[in-house]
Amino acid sequence: MSQQLLLVEDEARLARAMSALLTDEGYDVRACTGVADAVEAFAPRRFVAAILDVDVADGLVYPIADLLAQAGIPYAFCSSTHPDNVPARHQDALFLEKPFDLDQLRELATALAARARESGN
């Protein structure tokens, strides 16, 4: 059974490319376009990790990061937002700055998988 990963990215083309790579890395990806969509996806599914764009169409993704942190699910930000602008409560999250290349996304997925194993997910 593949591990479920939450991806929040509102740019459709980028979300498709990221989903394809993450699927190749062994994840069952649930891609969401925004905060509301991700909140709906969060309740019925158990994710081992998440990758979050910070600024999506319906707002900032920090409420999802809060849910993930409370549940002990490792997450990373993948955004053009500067890492210093992330709230202090989320400074320990991994961060991949846009633009990035596929090898960097692969490395991020590997690091998230390691954090998921460490947290028992």
N, C-alpha and C. Protein backbone atom coordinates (compact mmCIF):
# COMPACT_ATOMS: atom_id res chain seq x y z
N MET A 1 0.85 -1.19 0.00
CA MET A 1 0.00 0.00 0.00
C MET A 1 0.89 1.24 0.00
N SER A 2 0.62 2.16 -0.90
CA SER A 2 1.44 3.37 -0.98
C SER A 2 1.05 4.36 0.11
N GLN A 3 1.99 5.21 0.43
CA GLN A 3 1.77 6.21 1.47
C GLN A 3 1.05 7.41 0.87
N GLN A 4 0.11 7.95 1.62
CA GLN A 4 -0.67 9.08 1.14
C GLN A 4 0.02 10.39 1.49
N LEU A 5 0.13 11.25 0.49
CA LEU A 5 0.75 12.56 0.65
C LEU A 5 -0.23 13.63 0.21
N LEU A 6 -0.36 14.66 1.02
CA LEU A 6 -1.20 15.81 0.70
C LEU A 6 -0.35 16.85 -0.03
N LEU A 7 -0.82 17.28 -1.18
CA LEU A 7 -0.16 18.33 -1.95
C LEU A 7 -1.14 19.48 -2.10
N VAL A 8 -0.75 20.66 -1.64
CA VAL A 8 -1.59 21.84 -1.82
C VAL A 8 -0.83 22.79 -2.75
N GLU A 9 -1.34 22.92 -3.96
CA GLU A 9 -0.73 23.75 -5.01
C GLU A 9 -1.84 24.22 -5.93
N ASP A 10 -1.96 25.55 -6.11
CA ASP A 10 -3.07 26.07 -6.91
C ASP A 10 -2.73 26.28 -8.38
N GLU A 11 -1.49 26.12 -8.76
CA GLU A 11 -1.13 26.26 -10.17
C GLU A 11 -1.22 24.87 -10.78
N ALA A 12 -2.22 24.67 -11.65
CA ALA A 12 -2.59 23.33 -12.13
C ALA A 12 -1.43 22.60 -12.82
N ARG A 13 -0.72 23.27 -13.67
CA ARG A 13 0.37 22.61 -14.40
C ARG A 13 1.48 22.14 -13.45
N LEU A 14 1.82 23.00 -12.51
CA LEU A 14 2.83 22.63 -11.53
C LEU A 14 2.33 21.49 -10.64
N ALA A 15 1.08 21.55 -10.23
CA ALA A 15 0.51 20.48 -9.39
C ALA A 15 0.56 19.14 -10.11
N ARG A 16 0.26 19.13 -11.41
CA ARG A 16 0.32 17.88 -12.18
C ARG A 16 1.75 17.34 -12.24
N ALA A 17 2.71 18.21 -12.50
CA ALA A 17 4.11 17.78 -12.59
C ALA A 17 4.60 17.26 -11.24
N MET A 18 4.26 17.98 -10.18
CA MET A 18 4.67 17.55 -8.84
C MET A 18 4.02 16.22 -8.48
N SER A 19 2.73 16.09 -8.78
CA SER A 19 2.01 14.84 -8.48
C SER A 19 2.63 13.66 -9.22
N ALA A 20 2.98 13.86 -10.48
CA ALA A 20 3.58 12.78 -11.26
C ALA A 20 4.90 12.33 -10.64
N LEU A 21 5.75 13.28 -10.28
CA LEU A 21 7.03 12.92 -9.69
C LEU A 21 6.83 12.23 -8.35
N LEU A 22 5.96 12.77 -7.52
CA LEU A 22 5.73 12.19 -6.20
C LEU A 22 5.10 10.81 -6.29
N THR A 23 4.26 10.59 -7.29
CA THR A 23 3.69 9.27 -7.53
C THR A 23 4.81 8.30 -7.92
N ASP A 24 5.71 8.75 -8.77
CA ASP A 24 6.87 7.93 -9.15
C ASP A 24 7.74 7.60 -7.94
N GLU A 25 7.74 8.48 -6.95
CA GLU A 25 8.51 8.24 -5.72
C GLU A 25 7.76 7.32 -4.74
N GLY A 26 6.57 6.86 -5.11
CA GLY A 26 5.86 5.89 -4.30
C GLY A 26 4.71 6.43 -3.47
N TYR A 27 4.37 7.68 -3.65
CA TYR A 27 3.27 8.26 -2.88
C TYR A 27 1.94 8.16 -3.64
N ASP A 28 0.88 8.05 -2.88
CA ASP A 28 -0.48 8.21 -3.38
C ASP A 28 -0.82 9.67 -3.10
N VAL A 29 -0.79 10.52 -4.12
CA VAL A 29 -0.89 11.96 -3.94
C VAL A 29 -2.34 12.41 -4.00
N ARG A 30 -2.73 13.19 -3.01
CA ARG A 30 -4.03 13.88 -3.01
C ARG A 30 -3.73 15.35 -3.22
N ALA A 31 -3.94 15.82 -4.44
CA ALA A 31 -3.66 17.22 -4.77
C ALA A 31 -4.88 18.08 -4.49
N CYS A 32 -4.66 19.19 -3.80
CA CYS A 32 -5.71 20.15 -3.49
C CYS A 32 -5.28 21.51 -4.02
N THR A 33 -6.27 22.30 -4.42
CA THR A 33 -5.96 23.60 -5.00
C THR A 33 -5.94 24.73 -3.99
N GLY A 34 -6.44 24.48 -2.79
CA GLY A 34 -6.50 25.56 -1.81
C GLY A 34 -6.74 25.06 -0.41
N VAL A 35 -6.89 26.00 0.50
CA VAL A 35 -7.07 25.69 1.92
C VAL A 35 -8.37 24.93 2.15
N ALA A 36 -9.48 25.42 1.60
CA ALA A 36 -10.77 24.77 1.82
C ALA A 36 -10.76 23.33 1.32
N ASP A 37 -10.22 23.13 0.13
CA ASP A 37 -10.12 21.79 -0.45
C ASP A 37 -9.27 20.89 0.44
N ALA A 38 -8.17 21.40 0.96
CA ALA A 38 -7.28 20.61 1.81
C ALA A 38 -7.93 20.27 3.15
N VAL A 39 -8.70 21.20 3.70
CA VAL A 39 -9.41 20.93 4.95
C VAL A 39 -10.39 19.78 4.75
N GLU A 40 -11.11 19.79 3.64
CA GLU A 40 -12.04 18.69 3.33
C GLU A 40 -11.30 17.37 3.16
N ALA A 41 -10.16 17.39 2.52
CA ALA A 41 -9.38 16.17 2.28
C ALA A 41 -8.76 15.65 3.57
N PHE A 42 -8.45 16.53 4.49
CA PHE A 42 -7.72 16.15 5.69
C PHE A 42 -8.50 15.19 6.57
N ALA A 43 -9.75 15.43 6.79
CA ALA A 43 -10.52 14.63 7.75
C ALA A 43 -10.65 13.15 7.36
N PRO A 44 -11.04 12.84 6.14
CA PRO A 44 -11.30 11.43 5.83
C PRO A 44 -10.05 10.61 5.49
N ARG A 45 -8.92 11.25 5.30
CA ARG A 45 -7.74 10.52 4.86
C ARG A 45 -6.61 10.67 5.87
N ARG A 46 -5.77 9.70 5.88
CA ARG A 46 -4.60 9.72 6.76
C ARG A 46 -3.36 9.92 5.90
N PHE A 47 -2.73 11.04 6.06
CA PHE A 47 -1.55 11.37 5.28
C PHE A 47 -0.29 11.10 6.10
N VAL A 48 0.76 10.67 5.42
CA VAL A 48 2.04 10.47 6.11
C VAL A 48 2.89 11.73 6.03
N ALA A 49 2.59 12.60 5.06
CA ALA A 49 3.35 13.83 4.87
C ALA A 49 2.56 14.78 3.98
N ALA A 50 3.04 16.02 3.88
CA ALA A 50 2.37 17.01 3.04
C ALA A 50 3.39 18.00 2.48
N ILE A 51 3.07 18.49 1.29
CA ILE A 51 3.84 19.57 0.67
C ILE A 51 2.85 20.69 0.38
N LEU A 52 3.16 21.88 0.87
CA LEU A 52 2.21 22.98 0.85
C LEU A 52 2.78 24.22 0.18
N ASP A 53 2.09 24.74 -0.82
CA ASP A 53 2.39 26.08 -1.31
C ASP A 53 1.84 27.03 -0.25
N VAL A 54 2.51 28.12 0.00
CA VAL A 54 2.09 29.02 1.08
C VAL A 54 0.89 29.87 0.68
N ASP A 55 0.97 30.50 -0.47
CA ASP A 55 -0.06 31.45 -0.89
C ASP A 55 -0.86 30.83 -2.03
N VAL A 56 -2.05 30.32 -1.70
CA VAL A 56 -2.91 29.69 -2.70
C VAL A 56 -4.14 30.57 -2.95
N ALA A 57 -4.94 30.18 -3.91
CA ALA A 57 -6.04 31.02 -4.38
C ALA A 57 -6.98 31.49 -3.26
N ASP A 58 -7.24 30.64 -2.28
CA ASP A 58 -8.19 31.03 -1.23
C ASP A 58 -7.52 31.43 0.08
N GLY A 59 -6.24 31.78 0.04
CA GLY A 59 -5.59 32.30 1.23
C GLY A 59 -4.25 31.66 1.51
N LEU A 60 -3.78 31.89 2.72
CA LEU A 60 -2.51 31.31 3.16
C LEU A 60 -2.76 29.93 3.75
N VAL A 61 -1.82 29.04 3.57
CA VAL A 61 -1.99 27.63 3.89
C VAL A 61 -1.70 27.30 5.36
N TYR A 62 -1.41 28.28 6.16
CA TYR A 62 -1.01 28.01 7.54
C TYR A 62 -2.05 27.25 8.37
N PRO A 63 -3.37 27.41 8.15
CA PRO A 63 -4.31 26.58 8.91
C PRO A 63 -4.12 25.08 8.65
N ILE A 64 -3.73 24.72 7.42
CA ILE A 64 -3.46 23.32 7.11
C ILE A 64 -2.18 22.88 7.81
N ALA A 65 -1.17 23.72 7.78
CA ALA A 65 0.09 23.42 8.48
C ALA A 65 -0.17 23.22 9.97
N ASP A 66 -1.06 24.03 10.54
CA ASP A 66 -1.42 23.88 11.95
C ASP A 66 -2.05 22.51 12.22
N LEU A 67 -2.98 22.09 11.33
CA LEU A 67 -3.62 20.77 11.48
C LEU A 67 -2.58 19.66 11.39
N LEU A 68 -1.69 19.77 10.42
CA LEU A 68 -0.65 18.75 10.25
C LEU A 68 0.26 18.68 11.47
N ALA A 69 0.67 19.85 11.97
CA ALA A 69 1.53 19.89 13.15
C ALA A 69 0.85 19.26 14.35
N GLN A 70 -0.43 19.58 14.54
CA GLN A 70 -1.18 19.02 15.68
C GLN A 70 -1.30 17.50 15.58
N ALA A 71 -1.38 17.00 14.33
CA ALA A 71 -1.51 15.56 14.11
C ALA A 71 -0.16 14.84 14.07
N GLY A 72 0.93 15.61 14.14
CA GLY A 72 2.25 15.01 14.09
C GLY A 72 2.66 14.52 12.71
N ILE A 73 2.08 15.11 11.69
CA ILE A 73 2.37 14.73 10.30
C ILE A 73 3.41 15.69 9.75
N PRO A 74 4.54 15.18 9.28
CA PRO A 74 5.57 16.08 8.72
C PRO A 74 5.09 16.77 7.45
N TYR A 75 5.51 17.99 7.28
CA TYR A 75 5.11 18.78 6.11
C TYR A 75 6.25 19.69 5.70
N ALA A 76 6.16 20.13 4.47
CA ALA A 76 7.15 21.05 3.92
C ALA A 76 6.41 22.12 3.14
N PHE A 77 7.02 23.27 3.06
CA PHE A 77 6.50 24.34 2.21
C PHE A 77 7.27 24.34 0.90
N CYS A 78 6.56 24.57 -0.17
CA CYS A 78 7.15 24.70 -1.49
C CYS A 78 6.55 25.96 -2.09
N SER A 79 7.31 27.05 -2.05
CA SER A 79 6.69 28.34 -2.32
C SER A 79 7.71 29.37 -2.80
N SER A 80 7.18 30.40 -3.43
CA SER A 80 8.01 31.55 -3.78
C SER A 80 8.04 32.57 -2.64
N THR A 81 7.22 32.34 -1.61
CA THR A 81 7.28 33.15 -0.39
C THR A 81 8.63 32.94 0.26
N HIS A 82 9.23 33.99 0.75
CA HIS A 82 10.55 33.85 1.39
C HIS A 82 10.41 33.06 2.68
N PRO A 83 11.32 32.13 2.95
CA PRO A 83 11.23 31.32 4.17
C PRO A 83 11.15 32.13 5.46
N ASP A 84 11.74 33.31 5.49
CA ASP A 84 11.68 34.15 6.69
C ASP A 84 10.28 34.67 6.98
N ASN A 85 9.39 34.61 5.98
CA ASN A 85 8.02 35.08 6.18
C ASN A 85 7.10 34.02 6.75
N VAL A 86 7.59 32.81 6.90
CA VAL A 86 6.81 31.74 7.51
C VAL A 86 6.71 32.01 9.01
N PRO A 87 5.52 31.86 9.59
CA PRO A 87 5.37 32.11 11.03
C PRO A 87 6.33 31.26 11.86
N ALA A 88 6.72 31.78 12.99
CA ALA A 88 7.69 31.11 13.87
C ALA A 88 7.26 29.68 14.20
N ARG A 89 5.97 29.45 14.36
CA ARG A 89 5.50 28.11 14.74
C ARG A 89 5.75 27.07 13.65
N HIS A 90 6.08 27.53 12.43
CA HIS A 90 6.33 26.60 11.32
C HIS A 90 7.75 26.69 10.79
N GLN A 91 8.65 27.32 11.53
CA GLN A 91 10.02 27.49 11.06
C GLN A 91 10.80 26.18 10.98
N ASP A 92 10.36 25.15 11.66
CA ASP A 92 11.05 23.86 11.61
C ASP A 92 10.67 23.03 10.38
N ALA A 93 9.67 23.47 9.65
CA ALA A 93 9.26 22.73 8.45
C ALA A 93 10.31 22.87 7.36
N LEU A 94 10.44 21.83 6.57
CA LEU A 94 11.32 21.89 5.41
C LEU A 94 10.77 22.95 4.45
N PHE A 95 11.66 23.52 3.64
CA PHE A 95 11.23 24.59 2.73
C PHE A 95 11.96 24.44 1.40
N LEU A 96 11.19 24.38 0.32
CA LEU A 96 11.74 24.34 -1.03
C LEU A 96 11.27 25.59 -1.75
N GLU A 97 12.22 26.44 -2.11
CA GLU A 97 11.88 27.70 -2.78
C GLU A 97 11.61 27.49 -4.26
N LYS A 98 10.57 28.13 -4.75
CA LYS A 98 10.28 28.15 -6.18
C LYS A 98 11.09 29.26 -6.81
N PRO A 99 11.58 29.09 -8.00
CA PRO A 99 11.49 27.87 -8.82
C PRO A 99 12.47 26.82 -8.33
N PHE A 100 12.13 25.57 -8.59
CA PHE A 100 12.96 24.44 -8.19
C PHE A 100 13.05 23.48 -9.36
N ASP A 101 13.98 22.55 -9.26
CA ASP A 101 14.04 21.52 -10.31
C ASP A 101 13.55 20.20 -9.72
N LEU A 102 13.34 19.23 -10.59
CA LEU A 102 12.76 17.96 -10.15
C LEU A 102 13.65 17.21 -9.17
N ASP A 103 14.96 17.33 -9.32
CA ASP A 103 15.86 16.68 -8.36
C ASP A 103 15.67 17.26 -6.96
N GLN A 104 15.44 18.56 -6.87
CA GLN A 104 15.20 19.17 -5.56
C GLN A 104 13.89 18.67 -4.95
N LEU A 105 12.87 18.50 -5.78
CA LEU A 105 11.60 17.97 -5.28
C LEU A 105 11.78 16.52 -4.83
N ARG A 106 12.54 15.75 -5.57
CA ARG A 106 12.84 14.37 -5.19
C ARG A 106 13.54 14.33 -3.82
N GLU A 107 14.51 15.22 -3.63
CA GLU A 107 15.22 15.30 -2.35
C GLU A 107 14.27 15.69 -1.21
N LEU A 108 13.36 16.60 -1.50
CA LEU A 108 12.38 16.99 -0.49
C LEU A 108 11.50 15.81 -0.12
N ALA A 109 11.04 15.05 -1.12
CA ALA A 109 10.21 13.87 -0.86
C ALA A 109 10.96 12.85 -0.01
N THR A 110 12.25 12.67 -0.28
CA THR A 110 13.07 11.75 0.50
C THR A 110 13.18 12.22 1.95
N ALA A 111 13.42 13.51 2.14
CA ALA A 111 13.53 14.07 3.49
C ALA A 111 12.21 13.96 4.24
N LEU A 112 11.09 14.19 3.55
CA LEU A 112 9.78 14.05 4.20
C LEU A 112 9.52 12.60 4.59
N ALA A 113 9.90 11.66 3.72
CA ALA A 113 9.72 10.24 4.03
C ALA A 113 10.52 9.87 5.28
N ALA A 114 11.73 10.41 5.40
CA ALA A 114 12.54 10.14 6.60
C ALA A 114 11.87 10.71 7.84
N ARG A 115 11.35 11.93 7.73
CA ARG A 115 10.65 12.53 8.88
C ARG A 115 9.39 11.72 9.23
N ALA A 116 8.70 11.22 8.21
CA ALA A 116 7.50 10.42 8.45
C ALA A 116 7.86 9.13 9.20
N ARG A 117 8.95 8.49 8.80
CA ARG A 117 9.39 7.27 9.50
C ARG A 117 9.75 7.60 10.95
N GLU A 118 10.46 8.70 11.15
CA GLU A 118 10.86 9.10 12.50
C GLU A 118 9.65 9.37 13.39
N SER A 119 8.57 9.90 12.78
CA SER A 119 7.39 10.24 13.58
C SER A 119 6.42 9.07 13.69
N GLY A 120 6.75 7.95 13.04
CA GLY A 120 5.89 6.77 13.12
C GLY A 120 4.76 6.77 12.13
N ASN A 121 4.77 7.66 11.16
CA ASN A 121 3.70 7.72 10.13
C ASN A 121 4.02 6.80 8.98
